[in-house]
Amino acid sequence: MYHEEKNNMPKYVLTGTTTMGVVCRDGIVLGTDTRATLGTFVAHKKAKKVYAIDDHVAMTIAGGVADAQTVVEVLRANSKLYKYEKGLPIPISAVARLAANVLFSSRYYPFILQSIIGGVDDGGPHIFALDPLGSVTEEKCVSTGSGSPVAYGVLEPGYKEGMAMKDAIPLVVKAVNSAMKRDSASGDSFDVAVISKEGYRELNEEEKKRILVEAS
């Protein structure tokens, strides 16, 4: 019964949001909007859609908030456990594979979640995209959510493999801003997180405003 109900959920539950990630030569950049929707209703204007898993790895979410937060907590706990046992930060590919296993193990009652997992480890910067059934692919430039078609229209022409984070940040901001203007399920504001060898950091409001003006 539960399986039938979840499969027959209204289409709007499965859509909404704009998230993206790009790999740079010195790290990765993740960007999201902050609007949470339920159909045509704006449920929250400042929803958090990018989460730090550890100092060197983060995750963006598109889909059900409860499902996403559950996966985030599983990844955080296991990342800490790995660091405690090995004395080393967990590889980005291992975080992505763990998330894929969690999603795949629930494939009969799937998590409503599309995510991007990215970070920097000994092998350099990496980004992985995951679908609700646990498929995982490594990407250089990727976007998820209902605003992704608009975002790709900005990202793909502007992205160059090996570009620096300082050049990628304005591109991500411009892509998020474009999606917010055209996709009704994305909007209100945006968040940008960067991960380099120095660790995880989210841009503050002043930085975002300045970059948005420069990118417009």
Protein backbone atom coordinates (compact mmCIF):
# COMPACT_ATOMS: atom_id res chain seq x y z
CA MET A 1 0.00 0.00 0.00
CA TYR A 2 2.77 2.40 0.98
CA HIS A 3 4.67 1.51 -2.20
CA GLU A 4 1.61 2.31 -4.34
CA GLU A 5 1.03 5.61 -2.55
CA LYS A 6 4.64 6.71 -3.02
CA ASN A 7 4.67 5.76 -6.69
CA ASN A 8 1.41 7.65 -7.23
CA MET A 9 2.56 10.84 -5.55
CA PRO A 10 1.62 14.04 -7.39
CA LYS A 11 4.19 15.01 -9.98
CA TYR A 12 5.00 18.27 -8.18
CA VAL A 13 6.58 16.33 -5.31
CA LEU A 14 9.25 15.08 -7.71
CA THR A 15 10.17 18.45 -9.18
CA GLY A 16 11.49 21.83 -8.10
CA THR A 17 14.88 23.32 -7.22
CA THR A 18 18.03 24.25 -9.08
CA THR A 19 21.36 22.82 -7.95
CA MET A 20 24.68 22.55 -9.74
CA GLY A 21 28.33 21.70 -9.33
CA VAL A 22 31.48 22.24 -11.37
CA VAL A 23 34.98 20.82 -11.04
CA CYS A 24 37.86 23.31 -11.17
CA ARG A 25 41.60 22.81 -11.17
CA ASP A 26 41.84 24.07 -7.57
CA GLY A 27 38.59 22.72 -6.11
CA ILE A 28 34.85 22.55 -6.75
CA VAL A 29 31.96 25.02 -6.72
CA LEU A 30 28.40 24.11 -5.72
CA GLY A 31 25.39 26.38 -6.19
CA THR A 32 21.70 26.14 -5.28
CA ASP A 33 18.61 28.30 -5.08
CA THR A 34 16.77 28.53 -1.74
CA ARG A 35 13.06 28.17 -2.64
CA ALA A 36 11.17 25.15 -1.33
CA THR A 37 7.89 24.48 -3.11
CA LEU A 38 4.85 22.25 -2.80
CA GLY A 39 3.13 22.51 -6.14
CA THR A 40 2.46 26.19 -6.74
CA PHE A 41 2.86 27.00 -3.04
CA VAL A 42 6.17 28.45 -1.86
CA ALA A 43 6.69 26.51 1.37
CA HIS A 44 9.96 28.18 2.36
CA LYS A 45 12.04 31.02 0.94
CA LYS A 46 15.35 30.22 2.65
CA ALA A 47 15.60 26.44 2.41
CA LYS A 48 19.09 25.00 2.75
CA LYS A 49 20.03 22.81 -0.20
CA VAL A 50 23.79 22.42 0.22
CA TYR A 51 25.20 20.55 3.22
CA ALA A 52 28.76 19.98 4.38
CA ILE A 53 29.37 16.26 4.97
CA ASP A 54 32.92 16.84 6.22
CA ASP A 55 35.52 19.59 5.84
CA HIS A 56 36.40 18.33 2.35
CA VAL A 57 33.08 17.08 0.93
CA ALA A 58 29.53 18.43 0.54
CA MET A 59 26.18 17.47 -0.96
CA THR A 60 23.39 19.35 -2.73
CA ILE A 61 19.79 18.17 -2.61
CA ALA A 62 16.80 18.29 -4.94
CA GLY A 63 13.60 16.52 -3.93
CA GLY A 64 12.10 15.57 -0.58
CA VAL A 65 13.69 17.43 2.32
CA ALA A 66 13.15 14.65 4.87
CA ASP A 67 14.65 12.03 2.56
CA ALA A 68 17.61 14.29 1.82
CA GLN A 69 18.31 15.08 5.47
CA THR A 70 18.25 11.36 6.30
CA VAL A 71 20.90 10.61 3.68
CA VAL A 72 22.98 13.61 4.79
CA GLU A 73 23.05 12.34 8.38
CA VAL A 74 24.04 8.83 7.25
CA LEU A 75 26.91 10.25 5.20
CA ARG A 76 28.07 12.54 8.01
CA ALA A 77 28.11 9.73 10.56
CA ASN A 78 30.00 7.35 8.30
CA SER A 79 32.50 10.04 7.25
CA LYS A 80 33.33 10.67 10.90
CA LEU A 81 33.60 6.94 11.56
CA TYR A 82 35.97 6.50 8.60
CA LYS A 83 38.18 9.35 9.83
CA TYR A 84 38.19 7.89 13.36
CA GLU A 85 39.14 4.39 12.17
CA LYS A 86 41.58 5.30 9.38
CA GLY A 87 42.92 8.63 10.59
CA LEU A 88 42.27 10.00 7.09
CA PRO A 89 39.42 11.90 5.44
CA ILE A 90 37.03 9.67 3.50
CA PRO A 91 37.54 9.66 -0.31
CA ILE A 92 34.88 11.50 -2.30
CA SER A 93 34.14 8.40 -4.36
CA ALA A 94 33.48 6.44 -1.16
CA VAL A 95 30.93 9.03 0.01
CA ALA A 96 29.19 8.87 -3.37
CA ARG A 97 29.18 5.07 -3.36
CA LEU A 98 27.78 4.98 0.18
CA ALA A 99 24.98 7.36 -0.83
CA ALA A 100 24.31 5.22 -3.92
CA ASN A 101 24.08 2.09 -1.75
CA VAL A 102 21.63 3.78 0.62
CA LEU A 103 19.44 4.89 -2.28
CA PHE A 104 19.63 1.55 -4.10
CA SER A 105 18.80 -0.41 -0.95
CA SER A 106 15.53 1.55 -0.77
CA ARG A 107 14.69 1.20 -4.46
CA TYR A 108 11.32 -0.46 -3.77
CA TYR A 109 10.40 2.49 -1.52
CA PRO A 110 12.68 5.06 -3.14
CA PHE A 111 13.98 8.20 -1.56
CA ILE A 112 12.70 11.24 -3.46
CA LEU A 113 16.17 12.64 -3.90
CA GLN A 114 18.49 13.76 -6.66
CA SER A 115 21.85 14.90 -5.34
CA ILE A 116 25.31 16.11 -6.22
CA ILE A 117 28.24 15.04 -4.04
CA GLY A 118 31.52 16.88 -4.49
CA GLY A 119 34.77 17.54 -2.73
CA VAL A 120 38.55 17.40 -2.77
CA ASP A 121 40.69 14.45 -1.69
CA ASP A 122 44.17 13.10 -2.44
CA GLY A 123 43.05 12.40 -6.01
CA GLY A 124 42.00 16.01 -6.56
CA PRO A 125 38.54 17.57 -6.97
CA HIS A 126 35.60 15.31 -7.85
CA ILE A 127 31.85 15.65 -8.39
CA PHE A 128 29.33 12.78 -8.56
CA ALA A 129 25.66 12.96 -9.56
CA LEU A 130 23.13 10.52 -8.07
CA ASP A 131 19.54 9.73 -9.01
CA PRO A 132 16.81 8.42 -6.64
CA LEU A 133 17.58 4.76 -7.42
CA GLY A 134 21.29 5.02 -6.66
CA SER A 135 22.82 5.44 -10.11
CA VAL A 136 26.06 7.37 -9.73
CA THR A 137 28.15 9.09 -12.40
CA GLU A 138 31.24 11.24 -12.09
CA GLU A 139 30.81 14.62 -13.79
CA LYS A 140 32.80 17.76 -14.51
CA CYS A 141 29.79 20.08 -14.81
CA VAL A 142 26.29 19.02 -13.71
CA SER A 143 22.94 20.47 -12.68
CA THR A 144 19.81 18.90 -11.14
CA GLY A 145 16.24 19.93 -10.45
CA SER A 146 13.50 21.60 -12.47
CA GLY A 147 15.68 24.64 -13.20
CA SER A 148 18.51 22.55 -14.63
CA PRO A 149 17.57 22.98 -18.33
CA VAL A 150 17.94 26.75 -17.94
CA ALA A 151 21.08 26.37 -15.83
CA TYR A 152 22.70 24.12 -18.43
CA GLY A 153 22.11 26.81 -21.03
CA VAL A 154 24.50 29.02 -19.06
CA LEU A 155 26.86 26.42 -17.63
CA GLU A 156 27.75 24.43 -20.73
CA PRO A 157 28.80 27.36 -22.97
CA GLY A 158 30.77 28.98 -20.14
CA TYR A 159 32.42 25.99 -18.50
CA LYS A 160 35.96 25.07 -19.47
CA GLU A 161 37.68 22.05 -18.03
CA GLY A 162 40.56 23.12 -15.80
CA MET A 163 39.16 26.58 -15.09
CA ALA A 164 39.94 28.22 -11.74
CA MET A 165 37.38 28.56 -8.95
CA LYS A 166 37.55 32.34 -9.16
CA ASP A 167 36.27 32.08 -12.73
CA ALA A 168 33.77 29.32 -12.01
CA ILE A 169 32.01 31.09 -9.12
CA PRO A 170 30.56 33.91 -11.30
CA LEU A 171 29.48 31.31 -13.86
CA VAL A 172 27.62 29.29 -11.21
CA VAL A 173 26.00 32.44 -9.81
CA LYS A 174 24.87 33.49 -13.28
CA ALA A 175 23.45 30.02 -13.97
CA VAL A 176 21.52 29.92 -10.68
CA ASN A 177 20.22 33.44 -11.24
CA SER A 178 19.06 32.59 -14.77
CA ALA A 179 17.22 29.50 -13.54
CA MET A 180 15.52 31.50 -10.78
CA LYS A 181 14.22 33.96 -13.38
CA ARG A 182 12.69 31.27 -15.63
CA ASP A 183 11.76 28.38 -13.31
CA SER A 184 8.89 29.12 -10.90
CA ALA A 185 10.00 26.31 -8.56
CA SER A 186 13.39 28.00 -8.08
CA GLY A 187 13.95 31.43 -6.65
CA ASP A 188 14.12 33.87 -3.72
CA SER A 189 17.87 33.62 -3.10
CA PHE A 190 20.86 31.35 -3.68
CA ASP A 191 23.76 29.71 -1.86
CA VAL A 192 27.25 29.02 -3.17
CA ALA A 193 29.74 26.71 -1.49
CA VAL A 194 33.37 26.14 -2.48
CA ILE A 195 35.70 23.34 -1.47
CA SER A 196 39.45 23.55 -1.93
CA LYS A 197 42.47 22.12 -0.13
CA GLU A 198 41.72 24.68 2.59
CA GLY A 199 38.32 23.05 3.21
CA TYR A 200 34.61 23.86 2.90
CA ARG A 201 33.30 27.42 2.83
CA GLU A 202 30.01 29.09 1.95
CA LEU A 203 30.02 32.55 0.40
CA ASN A 204 28.58 35.24 2.66
CA GLU A 205 25.82 37.65 1.66
CA GLU A 206 28.20 40.45 0.73
CA GLU A 207 30.20 38.18 -1.58
CA LYS A 208 27.06 36.84 -3.24
CA LYS A 209 25.64 40.32 -3.85
CA ARG A 210 28.91 41.56 -5.35
CA ILE A 211 29.33 38.55 -7.62
CA LEU A 212 25.69 38.73 -8.72
CA VAL A 213 26.13 42.35 -9.80
CA GLU A 214 29.35 41.53 -11.62
CA ALA A 215 27.85 38.46 -13.31
CA SER A 216 24.67 40.24 -14.45
